[in-house]
Amino acid sequence: MKEIRVKKDTLLPQLKKARLFRHLPDEAIEKLIECSRFVEYDPQEILIREHAVEQDVYVILSGACSVMVHQEGGDAYVATLGAGQVVGEAAIFSNMPRIATVLAQDTVRLMCFERTAFLKVLQDDPRSGMKVLFMIVHNLMMKLREVNLELAFERRDDGGQAEVDQLIESLIPAAGAVGLTPQQ
């Protein structure tokens, strides 16, 4: 990871396209830009490490990131996030450990802000703050919805015990059905 310089005059129009900032006045976005760092990650470099406790939130300016969750057999792919999307936004609400690892798929440029600086800007403009927090909650709800749909899909593919019993019965009939008797 390295800090980068960005042209602020081209950044404002780019950020206005991001869902998080879409409803904010330019002055509020400019304040957020002022309290932010701008960073670049190389391909396969980790932005967020699962289980780490951090307070940084990222807006992807360019590139794509993979979201992965560690499981017994290795890492499981969750999603790909791209320009305009937010990563790590749950850190605004708690000091809980991160629930996933996020790594750069290619060269990724990000706007990074820390929770306390971000909340200070939102407190200075409560109307804009409410809009941003509403969008963050909406993003989190959409991510939760996607996970719930994925879980429902996977559970639908899991066979129930009755299906397993029926399969076994069709392959290996009960002892009395084919004239088999227990040995004496």
N, C-alpha and C. Protein backbone atom coordinates (compact mmCIF):
# COMPACT_ATOMS: atom_id res chain seq x y z
N MET A 1 0.84 -1.17 0.00
CA MET A 1 0.00 0.00 0.00
C MET A 1 0.89 1.23 0.00
N LYS A 2 0.48 2.17 -0.80
CA LYS A 2 1.21 3.44 -0.81
C LYS A 2 0.21 4.58 -0.91
N GLU A 3 0.56 5.68 -0.30
CA GLU A 3 -0.28 6.87 -0.39
C GLU A 3 -0.07 7.50 -1.76
N ILE A 4 -1.14 8.03 -2.31
CA ILE A 4 -1.07 8.65 -3.64
C ILE A 4 -1.70 10.04 -3.58
N ARG A 5 -1.38 10.82 -4.57
CA ARG A 5 -2.01 12.14 -4.73
C ARG A 5 -3.10 12.01 -5.78
N VAL A 6 -4.17 12.72 -5.58
CA VAL A 6 -5.25 12.71 -6.55
C VAL A 6 -5.59 14.14 -6.92
N LYS A 7 -6.11 14.31 -8.09
CA LYS A 7 -6.56 15.63 -8.52
C LYS A 7 -7.95 15.86 -7.94
N LYS A 8 -8.03 16.77 -7.01
CA LYS A 8 -9.29 17.00 -6.29
C LYS A 8 -10.38 17.53 -7.22
N ASP A 9 -9.99 18.26 -8.28
CA ASP A 9 -11.00 18.81 -9.18
C ASP A 9 -11.69 17.70 -10.00
N THR A 10 -11.00 16.60 -10.25
CA THR A 10 -11.64 15.48 -10.96
C THR A 10 -12.28 14.49 -9.99
N LEU A 11 -11.89 14.56 -8.73
CA LEU A 11 -12.40 13.63 -7.73
C LEU A 11 -13.86 13.91 -7.37
N LEU A 12 -14.21 15.17 -7.23
CA LEU A 12 -15.57 15.52 -6.83
C LEU A 12 -16.63 14.95 -7.79
N PRO A 13 -16.49 15.14 -9.11
CA PRO A 13 -17.49 14.55 -10.01
C PRO A 13 -17.51 13.01 -9.93
N GLN A 14 -16.36 12.40 -9.73
CA GLN A 14 -16.29 10.94 -9.62
C GLN A 14 -17.03 10.47 -8.36
N LEU A 15 -16.82 11.14 -7.24
CA LEU A 15 -17.46 10.74 -6.00
C LEU A 15 -18.97 10.98 -6.02
N LYS A 16 -19.41 12.00 -6.75
CA LYS A 16 -20.86 12.27 -6.84
C LYS A 16 -21.60 11.11 -7.52
N LYS A 17 -20.87 10.30 -8.30
CA LYS A 17 -21.47 9.14 -8.95
C LYS A 17 -21.59 7.95 -8.01
N ALA A 18 -20.80 7.95 -6.94
CA ALA A 18 -20.84 6.85 -5.98
C ALA A 18 -22.13 6.94 -5.17
N ARG A 19 -22.77 5.81 -4.96
CA ARG A 19 -24.04 5.77 -4.24
C ARG A 19 -23.94 6.44 -2.87
N LEU A 20 -22.83 6.25 -2.19
CA LEU A 20 -22.66 6.80 -0.85
C LEU A 20 -22.76 8.32 -0.83
N PHE A 21 -22.26 8.98 -1.86
CA PHE A 21 -22.20 10.44 -1.88
C PHE A 21 -23.22 11.10 -2.81
N ARG A 22 -24.00 10.33 -3.47
CA ARG A 22 -24.91 10.82 -4.51
C ARG A 22 -25.81 11.96 -4.04
N HIS A 23 -26.27 11.90 -2.80
CA HIS A 23 -27.24 12.88 -2.32
C HIS A 23 -26.61 13.99 -1.47
N LEU A 24 -25.29 14.07 -1.48
CA LEU A 24 -24.62 15.07 -0.66
C LEU A 24 -24.30 16.33 -1.45
N PRO A 25 -24.35 17.47 -0.77
CA PRO A 25 -23.90 18.70 -1.44
C PRO A 25 -22.38 18.66 -1.63
N ASP A 26 -21.91 19.39 -2.60
CA ASP A 26 -20.47 19.42 -2.89
C ASP A 26 -19.64 19.78 -1.67
N GLU A 27 -20.13 20.71 -0.84
CA GLU A 27 -19.36 21.14 0.33
C GLU A 27 -19.12 19.98 1.29
N ALA A 28 -20.12 19.11 1.49
CA ALA A 28 -19.97 17.96 2.39
C ALA A 28 -18.96 16.97 1.82
N ILE A 29 -19.02 16.74 0.51
CA ILE A 29 -18.06 15.82 -0.13
C ILE A 29 -16.65 16.39 -0.02
N GLU A 30 -16.50 17.69 -0.22
CA GLU A 30 -15.19 18.32 -0.12
C GLU A 30 -14.62 18.19 1.29
N LYS A 31 -15.47 18.30 2.31
CA LYS A 31 -15.00 18.11 3.70
C LYS A 31 -14.53 16.67 3.91
N LEU A 32 -15.25 15.72 3.34
CA LEU A 32 -14.83 14.32 3.46
C LEU A 32 -13.52 14.07 2.73
N ILE A 33 -13.35 14.70 1.60
CA ILE A 33 -12.09 14.58 0.86
C ILE A 33 -10.94 15.11 1.71
N GLU A 34 -11.17 16.21 2.38
CA GLU A 34 -10.12 16.83 3.20
C GLU A 34 -9.68 15.95 4.36
N CYS A 35 -10.59 15.14 4.91
CA CYS A 35 -10.22 14.28 6.05
C CYS A 35 -9.80 12.88 5.61
N SER A 36 -9.68 12.67 4.31
CA SER A 36 -9.36 11.35 3.77
C SER A 36 -7.91 11.24 3.35
N ARG A 37 -7.47 9.98 3.28
CA ARG A 37 -6.19 9.64 2.66
C ARG A 37 -6.54 8.95 1.34
N PHE A 38 -5.60 8.99 0.42
CA PHE A 38 -5.80 8.31 -0.85
C PHE A 38 -4.66 7.30 -1.00
N VAL A 39 -5.04 6.05 -1.25
CA VAL A 39 -4.07 4.97 -1.24
C VAL A 39 -4.23 4.11 -2.49
N GLU A 40 -3.15 3.39 -2.79
CA GLU A 40 -3.15 2.47 -3.92
C GLU A 40 -2.60 1.13 -3.43
N TYR A 41 -3.28 0.06 -3.83
CA TYR A 41 -2.85 -1.29 -3.49
C TYR A 41 -2.51 -2.02 -4.78
N ASP A 42 -1.48 -2.83 -4.72
CA ASP A 42 -1.08 -3.65 -5.85
C ASP A 42 -1.94 -4.91 -5.91
N PRO A 43 -1.96 -5.60 -7.05
CA PRO A 43 -2.74 -6.84 -7.16
C PRO A 43 -2.35 -7.84 -6.07
N GLN A 44 -3.36 -8.47 -5.49
CA GLN A 44 -3.25 -9.48 -4.44
C GLN A 44 -2.82 -8.92 -3.08
N GLU A 45 -2.71 -7.61 -2.97
CA GLU A 45 -2.37 -7.00 -1.69
C GLU A 45 -3.65 -6.90 -0.84
N ILE A 46 -3.52 -7.16 0.46
CA ILE A 46 -4.68 -7.18 1.36
C ILE A 46 -4.98 -5.77 1.87
N LEU A 47 -6.23 -5.34 1.70
CA LEU A 47 -6.70 -4.06 2.22
C LEU A 47 -7.21 -4.23 3.65
N ILE A 48 -8.02 -5.27 3.81
CA ILE A 48 -8.67 -5.56 5.09
C ILE A 48 -8.41 -7.02 5.40
N ARG A 49 -7.99 -7.28 6.63
CA ARG A 49 -7.72 -8.65 7.05
C ARG A 49 -8.83 -9.11 7.99
N GLU A 50 -9.40 -10.27 7.68
CA GLU A 50 -10.45 -10.85 8.51
C GLU A 50 -9.96 -10.94 9.96
N HIS A 51 -10.82 -10.60 10.89
CA HIS A 51 -10.60 -10.63 12.34
C HIS A 51 -9.80 -9.44 12.88
N ALA A 52 -9.26 -8.59 12.02
CA ALA A 52 -8.55 -7.41 12.49
C ALA A 52 -9.58 -6.37 12.97
N VAL A 53 -9.21 -5.60 13.97
CA VAL A 53 -10.07 -4.52 14.45
C VAL A 53 -9.48 -3.22 13.93
N GLU A 54 -10.21 -2.58 13.02
CA GLU A 54 -9.75 -1.35 12.39
C GLU A 54 -10.93 -0.40 12.27
N GLN A 55 -10.64 0.86 12.02
CA GLN A 55 -11.69 1.86 11.90
C GLN A 55 -11.71 2.53 10.54
N ASP A 56 -11.00 1.99 9.57
CA ASP A 56 -10.94 2.60 8.24
C ASP A 56 -12.09 2.11 7.36
N VAL A 57 -12.59 3.05 6.58
CA VAL A 57 -13.63 2.78 5.59
C VAL A 57 -13.05 3.21 4.25
N TYR A 58 -13.33 2.46 3.20
CA TYR A 58 -12.76 2.73 1.89
C TYR A 58 -13.85 2.94 0.84
N VAL A 59 -13.59 3.86 -0.06
CA VAL A 59 -14.40 4.01 -1.26
C VAL A 59 -13.48 3.67 -2.42
N ILE A 60 -13.89 2.71 -3.24
CA ILE A 60 -13.07 2.29 -4.37
C ILE A 60 -13.19 3.33 -5.48
N LEU A 61 -12.07 3.91 -5.84
CA LEU A 61 -12.04 4.90 -6.92
C LEU A 61 -11.81 4.24 -8.27
N SER A 62 -10.93 3.24 -8.29
CA SER A 62 -10.69 2.48 -9.52
C SER A 62 -10.16 1.11 -9.16
N GLY A 63 -10.38 0.15 -10.05
CA GLY A 63 -9.95 -1.21 -9.81
C GLY A 63 -11.04 -2.04 -9.17
N ALA A 64 -10.68 -3.26 -8.81
CA ALA A 64 -11.65 -4.19 -8.22
C ALA A 64 -11.00 -4.93 -7.05
N CYS A 65 -11.85 -5.29 -6.10
CA CYS A 65 -11.41 -6.03 -4.91
C CYS A 65 -12.23 -7.30 -4.77
N SER A 66 -11.59 -8.34 -4.24
CA SER A 66 -12.29 -9.58 -3.92
C SER A 66 -12.53 -9.62 -2.42
N VAL A 67 -13.71 -10.08 -2.05
CA VAL A 67 -14.05 -10.27 -0.65
C VAL A 67 -14.02 -11.77 -0.40
N MET A 68 -13.25 -12.18 0.61
CA MET A 68 -13.06 -13.60 0.91
C MET A 68 -13.30 -13.83 2.40
N VAL A 69 -13.82 -15.02 2.73
CA VAL A 69 -14.02 -15.41 4.11
C VAL A 69 -13.29 -16.73 4.32
N HIS A 70 -12.54 -16.83 5.41
CA HIS A 70 -11.79 -18.05 5.69
C HIS A 70 -12.73 -19.14 6.19
N GLN A 71 -12.59 -20.32 5.62
CA GLN A 71 -13.33 -21.50 6.06
C GLN A 71 -12.33 -22.61 6.28
N GLU A 72 -12.79 -23.73 6.81
CA GLU A 72 -11.89 -24.85 7.11
C GLU A 72 -11.03 -25.28 5.93
N GLY A 73 -11.61 -25.34 4.75
CA GLY A 73 -10.89 -25.81 3.59
C GLY A 73 -10.08 -24.74 2.87
N GLY A 74 -10.10 -23.51 3.36
CA GLY A 74 -9.40 -22.43 2.70
C GLY A 74 -10.26 -21.19 2.67
N ASP A 75 -10.01 -20.32 1.72
CA ASP A 75 -10.78 -19.09 1.61
C ASP A 75 -11.93 -19.27 0.64
N ALA A 76 -13.10 -18.76 1.03
CA ALA A 76 -14.29 -18.83 0.19
C ALA A 76 -14.56 -17.45 -0.39
N TYR A 77 -14.75 -17.40 -1.68
CA TYR A 77 -15.06 -16.15 -2.38
C TYR A 77 -16.47 -15.70 -2.00
N VAL A 78 -16.62 -14.40 -1.71
CA VAL A 78 -17.92 -13.85 -1.36
C VAL A 78 -18.43 -12.93 -2.45
N ALA A 79 -17.59 -11.97 -2.88
CA ALA A 79 -18.05 -10.98 -3.85
C ALA A 79 -16.86 -10.25 -4.47
N THR A 80 -17.16 -9.54 -5.56
CA THR A 80 -16.21 -8.62 -6.16
C THR A 80 -16.82 -7.23 -6.07
N LEU A 81 -16.02 -6.27 -5.63
CA LEU A 81 -16.48 -4.89 -5.51
C LEU A 81 -15.63 -4.03 -6.43
N GLY A 82 -16.27 -3.01 -7.03
CA GLY A 82 -15.56 -2.16 -7.97
C GLY A 82 -15.76 -0.68 -7.69
N ALA A 83 -15.37 0.13 -8.65
CA ALA A 83 -15.38 1.58 -8.51
C ALA A 83 -16.73 2.09 -8.02
N GLY A 84 -16.66 2.99 -7.05
CA GLY A 84 -17.86 3.59 -6.49
C GLY A 84 -18.43 2.85 -5.30
N GLN A 85 -17.96 1.64 -5.06
CA GLN A 85 -18.49 0.86 -3.95
C GLN A 85 -17.68 1.11 -2.67
N VAL A 86 -18.33 0.85 -1.55
CA VAL A 86 -17.74 1.08 -0.23
C VAL A 86 -17.31 -0.25 0.37
N VAL A 87 -16.17 -0.24 1.06
CA VAL A 87 -15.64 -1.43 1.71
C VAL A 87 -15.33 -1.09 3.16
N GLY A 88 -15.75 -1.94 4.07
CA GLY A 88 -15.43 -1.76 5.48
C GLY A 88 -16.33 -0.80 6.22
N GLU A 89 -17.49 -0.52 5.67
CA GLU A 89 -18.36 0.48 6.26
C GLU A 89 -18.93 0.11 7.62
N ALA A 90 -18.95 -1.18 7.97
CA ALA A 90 -19.43 -1.58 9.29
C ALA A 90 -18.53 -1.01 10.40
N ALA A 91 -17.30 -0.66 10.08
CA ALA A 91 -16.37 -0.10 11.07
C ALA A 91 -16.86 1.23 11.62
N ILE A 92 -17.75 1.88 10.91
CA ILE A 92 -18.30 3.15 11.39
C ILE A 92 -19.13 2.93 12.65
N PHE A 93 -19.75 1.77 12.76
CA PHE A 93 -20.70 1.51 13.83
C PHE A 93 -20.14 0.74 15.01
N SER A 94 -18.99 0.07 14.85
CA SER A 94 -18.49 -0.74 15.96
C SER A 94 -17.00 -0.98 15.85
N ASN A 95 -16.45 -1.45 16.96
CA ASN A 95 -15.03 -1.85 17.00
C ASN A 95 -14.90 -3.36 16.87
N MET A 96 -15.85 -3.99 16.26
CA MET A 96 -15.82 -5.44 16.12
C MET A 96 -14.80 -5.86 15.07
N PRO A 97 -14.28 -7.07 15.18
CA PRO A 97 -13.33 -7.57 14.18
C PRO A 97 -13.97 -7.63 12.79
N ARG A 98 -13.14 -7.44 11.78
CA ARG A 98 -13.61 -7.53 10.39
C ARG A 98 -14.12 -8.93 10.12
N ILE A 99 -15.15 -9.03 9.30
CA ILE A 99 -15.77 -10.33 9.03
C ILE A 99 -15.28 -10.97 7.74
N ALA A 100 -14.42 -10.27 7.01
CA ALA A 100 -13.91 -10.82 5.76
C ALA A 100 -12.55 -10.20 5.45
N THR A 101 -11.84 -10.86 4.55
CA THR A 101 -10.59 -10.32 4.02
C THR A 101 -10.93 -9.71 2.66
N VAL A 102 -10.37 -8.55 2.40
CA VAL A 102 -10.58 -7.88 1.12
C VAL A 102 -9.21 -7.69 0.49
N LEU A 103 -9.06 -8.17 -0.75
CA LEU A 103 -7.77 -8.01 -1.42
C LEU A 103 -7.96 -7.45 -2.81
N ALA A 104 -6.94 -6.74 -3.25
CA ALA A 104 -6.98 -6.11 -4.57
C ALA A 104 -6.88 -7.18 -5.65
N GLN A 105 -7.76 -7.12 -6.63
CA GLN A 105 -7.68 -8.02 -7.78
C GLN A 105 -6.66 -7.49 -8.79
N ASP A 106 -6.63 -6.19 -8.91
CA ASP A 106 -5.68 -5.51 -9.79
C ASP A 106 -5.21 -4.28 -9.03
N THR A 107 -4.60 -3.34 -9.69
CA THR A 107 -4.21 -2.11 -9.00
C THR A 107 -5.48 -1.38 -8.60
N VAL A 108 -5.61 -1.09 -7.31
CA VAL A 108 -6.82 -0.47 -6.78
C VAL A 108 -6.46 0.84 -6.12
N ARG A 109 -7.22 1.87 -6.46
CA ARG A 109 -7.06 3.18 -5.83
C ARG A 109 -8.29 3.44 -4.98
N LEU A 110 -8.03 3.93 -3.76
CA LEU A 110 -9.12 4.09 -2.81
C LEU A 110 -9.03 5.40 -2.06
N MET A 111 -10.19 5.87 -1.67
CA MET A 111 -10.31 6.97 -0.72
C MET A 111 -10.51 6.30 0.62
N CYS A 112 -9.71 6.66 1.61
CA CYS A 112 -9.75 6.00 2.91
C CYS A 112 -10.00 7.04 3.99
N PHE A 113 -10.99 6.80 4.81
CA PHE A 113 -11.20 7.69 5.94
C PHE A 113 -11.42 6.89 7.20
N GLU A 114 -10.97 7.45 8.30
CA GLU A 114 -11.07 6.81 9.60
C GLU A 114 -12.38 7.26 10.26
N ARG A 115 -12.96 6.38 11.07
CA ARG A 115 -14.28 6.60 11.64
C ARG A 115 -14.43 7.94 12.36
N THR A 116 -13.54 8.29 13.26
CA THR A 116 -13.74 9.51 14.05
C THR A 116 -13.71 10.77 13.18
N ALA A 117 -12.80 10.82 12.22
CA ALA A 117 -12.75 11.97 11.31
C ALA A 117 -14.02 12.04 10.46
N PHE A 118 -14.46 10.89 10.00
CA PHE A 118 -15.67 10.81 9.19
C PHE A 118 -16.88 11.28 9.99
N LEU A 119 -17.02 10.80 11.24
CA LEU A 119 -18.16 11.18 12.06
C LEU A 119 -18.12 12.66 12.42
N LYS A 120 -16.93 13.22 12.57
CA LYS A 120 -16.80 14.66 12.84
C LYS A 120 -17.36 15.47 11.68
N VAL A 121 -17.03 15.09 10.47
CA VAL A 121 -17.55 15.80 9.29
C VAL A 121 -19.07 15.68 9.25
N LEU A 122 -19.59 14.50 9.56
CA LEU A 122 -21.04 14.29 9.52
C LEU A 122 -21.74 15.07 10.63
N GLN A 123 -21.09 15.23 11.78
CA GLN A 123 -21.68 16.01 12.86
C GLN A 123 -21.75 17.50 12.51
N ASP A 124 -20.78 17.96 11.74
CA ASP A 124 -20.76 19.36 11.34
C ASP A 124 -21.88 19.68 10.36
N ASP A 125 -22.38 18.69 9.67
CA ASP A 125 -23.48 18.86 8.72
C ASP A 125 -24.47 17.71 8.93
N PRO A 126 -25.31 17.80 9.97
CA PRO A 126 -26.18 16.68 10.33
C PRO A 126 -27.11 16.21 9.20
N ARG A 127 -27.59 17.13 8.40
CA ARG A 127 -28.48 16.74 7.29
C ARG A 127 -27.74 15.83 6.31
N SER A 128 -26.53 16.22 5.94
CA SER A 128 -25.71 15.39 5.04
C SER A 128 -25.32 14.10 5.75
N GLY A 129 -25.01 14.21 7.04
CA GLY A 129 -24.64 13.03 7.82
C GLY A 129 -25.73 11.98 7.82
N MET A 130 -26.97 12.41 7.98
CA MET A 130 -28.09 11.45 7.95
C MET A 130 -28.18 10.76 6.59
N LYS A 131 -27.97 11.50 5.54
CA LYS A 131 -28.03 10.91 4.20
C LYS A 131 -26.94 9.86 4.01
N VAL A 132 -25.72 10.19 4.46
CA VAL A 132 -24.60 9.25 4.31
C VAL A 132 -24.85 8.01 5.16
N LEU A 133 -25.26 8.20 6.40
CA LEU A 133 -25.52 7.05 7.26
C LEU A 133 -26.65 6.19 6.71
N PHE A 134 -27.67 6.81 6.15
CA PHE A 134 -28.75 6.05 5.53
C PHE A 134 -28.22 5.20 4.38
N MET A 135 -27.33 5.77 3.56
CA MET A 135 -26.77 5.02 2.43
C MET A 135 -25.88 3.88 2.93
N ILE A 136 -25.14 4.11 4.02
CA ILE A 136 -24.30 3.05 4.56
C ILE A 136 -25.16 1.91 5.07
N VAL A 137 -26.21 2.24 5.80
CA VAL A 137 -27.13 1.20 6.30
C VAL A 137 -27.75 0.46 5.12
N HIS A 138 -28.14 1.19 4.09
CA HIS A 138 -28.71 0.56 2.89
C HIS A 138 -27.71 -0.40 2.26
N ASN A 139 -26.44 0.03 2.13
CA ASN A 139 -25.40 -0.85 1.58
C ASN A 139 -25.25 -2.11 2.41
N LEU A 140 -25.22 -1.95 3.72
CA LEU A 140 -25.08 -3.11 4.59
C LEU A 140 -26.27 -4.05 4.46
N MET A 141 -27.46 -3.49 4.35
CA MET A 141 -28.66 -4.32 4.18
C MET A 141 -28.64 -5.06 2.85
N MET A 142 -28.17 -4.42 1.80
CA MET A 142 -28.08 -5.08 0.50
C MET A 142 -27.07 -6.21 0.54
N LYS A 143 -25.96 -6.00 1.22
CA LYS A 143 -24.96 -7.07 1.37
C LYS A 143 -25.53 -8.22 2.18
N LEU A 144 -26.27 -7.92 3.24
CA LEU A 144 -26.91 -8.96 4.04
C LEU A 144 -27.94 -9.72 3.20
N ARG A 145 -28.68 -9.02 2.38
CA ARG A 145 -29.67 -9.66 1.51
C ARG A 145 -28.99 -10.65 0.56
N GLU A 146 -27.87 -10.22 -0.03
CA GLU A 146 -27.13 -11.10 -0.95
C GLU A 146 -26.66 -12.36 -0.23
N VAL A 147 -26.15 -12.19 0.98
CA VAL A 147 -25.68 -13.34 1.75
C VAL A 147 -26.85 -14.27 2.08
N ASN A 148 -27.98 -13.70 2.48
CA ASN A 148 -29.16 -14.51 2.78
C ASN A 148 -29.63 -15.29 1.56
N LEU A 149 -29.63 -14.66 0.40
CA LEU A 149 -30.02 -15.35 -0.82
C LEU A 149 -29.07 -16.49 -1.14
N GLU A 150 -27.78 -16.24 -0.94
CA GLU A 150 -26.78 -17.29 -1.18
C GLU A 150 -26.99 -18.46 -0.23
N LEU A 151 -27.24 -18.16 1.04
CA LEU A 151 -27.49 -19.22 2.01
C LEU A 151 -28.74 -20.02 1.64
N ALA A 152 -29.78 -19.32 1.24
CA ALA A 152 -31.01 -20.01 0.85
C ALA A 152 -30.77 -20.91 -0.35
N PHE A 153 -29.98 -20.44 -1.31
CA PHE A 153 -29.66 -21.23 -2.49
C PHE A 153 -28.89 -22.49 -2.10
N GLU A 154 -27.90 -22.32 -1.22
CA GLU A 154 -27.10 -23.48 -0.80
C GLU A 154 -27.93 -24.47 -0.01
N ARG A 155 -28.81 -23.98 0.84
CA ARG A 155 -29.65 -24.89 1.62
C ARG A 155 -30.63 -25.64 0.74
N ARG A 156 -31.07 -24.99 -0.32
CA ARG A 156 -31.99 -25.64 -1.25
C ARG A 156 -31.30 -26.84 -1.91
N ASP A 157 -30.00 -26.73 -2.12
CA ASP A 157 -29.25 -27.81 -2.74
C ASP A 157 -28.92 -28.94 -1.77
N ASP A 158 -29.00 -28.68 -0.45
CA ASP A 158 -28.72 -29.71 0.54
C ASP A 158 -29.90 -30.67 0.61
N GLY A 159 -29.61 -31.96 0.45
CA GLY A 159 -30.69 -32.95 0.57
C GLY A 159 -31.04 -33.18 2.02
N GLY A 160 -32.31 -33.36 2.30
CA GLY A 160 -32.76 -33.64 3.65
C GLY A 160 -32.57 -35.12 3.97
N GLN A 161 -32.75 -35.48 5.24
CA GLN A 161 -32.56 -36.86 5.68
C GLN A 161 -33.53 -37.80 4.97
N ALA A 162 -34.77 -37.36 4.73
CA ALA A 162 -35.75 -38.22 4.05
C ALA A 162 -35.27 -38.59 2.65
N GLU A 163 -34.63 -37.63 1.95
CA GLU A 163 -34.11 -37.91 0.62
C GLU A 163 -32.97 -38.93 0.68
N VAL A 164 -32.12 -38.81 1.69
CA VAL A 164 -31.01 -39.76 1.86
C VAL A 164 -31.57 -41.14 2.17
N ASP A 165 -32.56 -41.23 3.08
CA ASP A 165 -33.17 -42.51 3.42
C ASP A 165 -33.80 -43.16 2.19
N GLN A 166 -34.47 -42.35 1.38
CA GLN A 166 -35.12 -42.88 0.18
C GLN A 166 -34.07 -43.39 -0.82
N LEU A 167 -32.98 -42.67 -0.97
CA LEU A 167 -31.91 -43.12 -1.87
C LEU A 167 -31.33 -44.44 -1.40
N ILE A 168 -31.03 -44.55 -0.11
CA ILE A 168 -30.47 -45.79 0.43
C ILE A 168 -31.46 -46.94 0.23
N GLU A 169 -32.72 -46.68 0.49
CA GLU A 169 -33.74 -47.71 0.34
C GLU A 169 -33.85 -48.17 -1.11
N SER A 170 -33.70 -47.24 -2.06
CA SER A 170 -33.80 -47.63 -3.46
C SER A 170 -32.59 -48.45 -3.92
N LEU A 171 -31.43 -48.18 -3.32
CA LEU A 171 -30.22 -48.90 -3.70
C LEU A 171 -30.04 -50.20 -2.94
N ILE A 172 -30.41 -50.20 -1.70
CA ILE A 172 -30.25 -51.38 -0.84
C ILE A 172 -31.60 -51.64 -0.17
N PRO A 173 -32.43 -52.47 -0.78
CA PRO A 173 -33.75 -52.72 -0.21
C PRO A 173 -33.65 -53.33 1.19
N ALA A 174 -34.71 -53.15 1.96
CA ALA A 174 -34.77 -53.72 3.32
C ALA A 174 -34.62 -55.22 3.25
N ALA A 175 -34.12 -55.85 4.32
CA ALA A 175 -33.81 -57.28 4.35
C ALA A 175 -35.00 -58.14 3.97
N GLY A 176 -36.19 -57.85 4.47
CA GLY A 176 -37.36 -58.69 4.16
C GLY A 176 -37.84 -58.56 2.74
N ALA A 177 -37.50 -57.47 2.07
CA ALA A 177 -38.03 -57.22 0.73
C ALA A 177 -37.43 -58.13 -0.31
N VAL A 178 -36.24 -58.63 -0.13
CA VAL A 178 -35.62 -59.47 -1.15
C VAL A 178 -35.41 -60.90 -0.63
N GLY A 179 -36.07 -61.24 0.43
CA GLY A 179 -35.96 -62.61 0.94
C GLY A 179 -34.76 -62.84 1.83
N LEU A 180 -34.11 -61.76 2.25
CA LEU A 180 -32.98 -61.93 3.13
C LEU A 180 -33.47 -62.08 4.56
N THR A 181 -32.89 -62.97 5.26
CA THR A 181 -33.23 -63.12 6.68
C THR A 181 -31.95 -63.03 7.47
N PRO A 182 -32.05 -62.55 8.69
CA PRO A 182 -30.85 -62.47 9.50
C PRO A 182 -30.25 -63.84 9.71
N GLN A 183 -28.94 -63.90 9.77
CA GLN A 183 -28.28 -65.17 10.01
C GLN A 183 -28.44 -65.57 11.46
N GLN A 184 -28.61 -66.88 11.64
CA GLN A 184 -28.78 -67.39 12.99
C GLN A 184 -27.59 -68.16 13.40
